[in-house]
Amino acid sequence: MSKECLIKKIGQVIDALPNAQFKVRLDTEEEIRAYLSGKMVMNKIKVMVGDRVEMEIPSSPHIQNSIARITFRR
């Protein structure tokens, strides 16, 4: 997927799911599932419930059905 097809959003982690996935509430009050990017796993950056994160979401009309990639912890 090319970088032009990605939307950057900011949200807050509200739940930790199995397999290093998280449930994130966006600033628009939508909830989405997200996983850690490879760079965050390699550099052992921990994400916990309550952290604000920046994500890349594939652009599609159904944002709640897509899975985002967490790229930055604020």
Protein backbone atom coordinates (compact mmCIF):
# COMPACT_ATOMS: atom_id res chain seq x y z
CA MET A 1 0.00 0.00 0.00
CA SER A 2 1.40 3.38 -0.94
CA LYS A 3 1.78 6.23 1.52
CA GLU A 4 -0.72 8.36 -0.39
CA CYS A 5 -3.51 5.97 0.59
CA LEU A 6 -2.96 6.41 4.35
CA ILE A 7 -4.77 8.78 6.71
CA LYS A 8 -2.97 9.96 9.86
CA LYS A 9 -5.12 10.11 13.00
CA ILE A 10 -4.48 10.62 16.71
CA GLY A 11 -6.24 8.69 19.46
CA GLN A 12 -6.00 7.22 22.94
CA VAL A 13 -5.44 3.55 23.77
CA ILE A 14 -8.43 2.26 25.75
CA ASP A 15 -7.78 -1.50 25.81
CA ALA A 16 -4.94 -3.96 25.23
CA LEU A 17 -5.92 -6.99 23.16
CA PRO A 18 -4.04 -10.27 22.56
CA ASN A 19 -1.26 -10.48 19.92
CA ALA A 20 0.05 -6.95 20.58
CA GLN A 21 -3.12 -5.30 19.31
CA PHE A 22 -4.93 -2.40 20.90
CA LYS A 23 -8.36 -0.79 20.86
CA VAL A 24 -7.97 2.95 20.25
CA ARG A 25 -10.55 5.72 20.58
CA LEU A 26 -10.04 8.41 17.96
CA ASP A 27 -10.62 12.08 18.69
CA THR A 28 -13.87 11.75 16.72
CA GLU A 29 -15.14 9.23 19.35
CA GLU A 30 -14.81 6.26 16.94
CA GLU A 31 -13.11 3.08 18.14
CA ILE A 32 -10.65 1.21 15.96
CA ARG A 33 -8.30 -1.74 16.33
CA ALA A 34 -4.58 -1.09 15.87
CA TYR A 35 -1.24 -2.89 15.96
CA LEU A 36 2.34 -1.71 16.54
CA SER A 37 4.56 -0.83 13.59
CA GLY A 38 7.73 -2.84 13.04
CA LYS A 39 10.02 0.03 14.10
CA MET A 40 8.24 0.30 17.45
CA VAL A 41 8.61 -3.44 18.03
CA MET A 42 12.31 -3.41 17.04
CA ASN A 43 13.08 -0.48 19.34
CA LYS A 44 10.99 -2.00 22.18
CA ILE A 45 8.72 1.02 22.59
CA LYS A 46 5.96 0.09 25.01
CA VAL A 47 2.37 1.24 24.56
CA MET A 48 0.01 1.05 27.51
CA VAL A 49 -3.63 1.85 28.18
CA GLY A 50 -4.08 5.62 28.40
CA ASP A 51 -1.25 6.54 25.99
CA ARG A 52 -1.93 8.96 23.15
CA VAL A 53 -0.78 7.49 19.83
CA GLU A 54 -0.48 8.55 16.21
CA MET A 55 -1.76 6.02 13.66
CA GLU A 56 -1.91 5.41 9.94
CA ILE A 57 -5.26 4.13 8.70
CA PRO A 58 -5.87 2.85 5.17
CA SER A 59 -8.25 5.22 3.42
CA SER A 60 -11.59 3.49 2.98
CA PRO A 61 -15.19 4.50 3.54
CA HIS A 62 -15.51 1.99 6.41
CA ILE A 63 -13.01 3.27 8.98
CA GLN A 64 -14.31 1.04 11.80
CA ASN A 65 -13.70 -2.16 9.84
CA SER A 66 -10.06 -1.36 9.04
CA ILE A 67 -7.01 -2.03 11.20
CA ALA A 68 -4.63 0.86 11.88
CA ARG A 69 -0.86 0.81 12.42
CA ILE A 70 0.50 2.69 15.46
CA THR A 71 3.53 4.69 14.37
CA PHE A 72 4.21 7.11 17.23
CA ARG A 73 3.54 7.31 20.98
CA ARG A 74 2.99 10.82 22.35
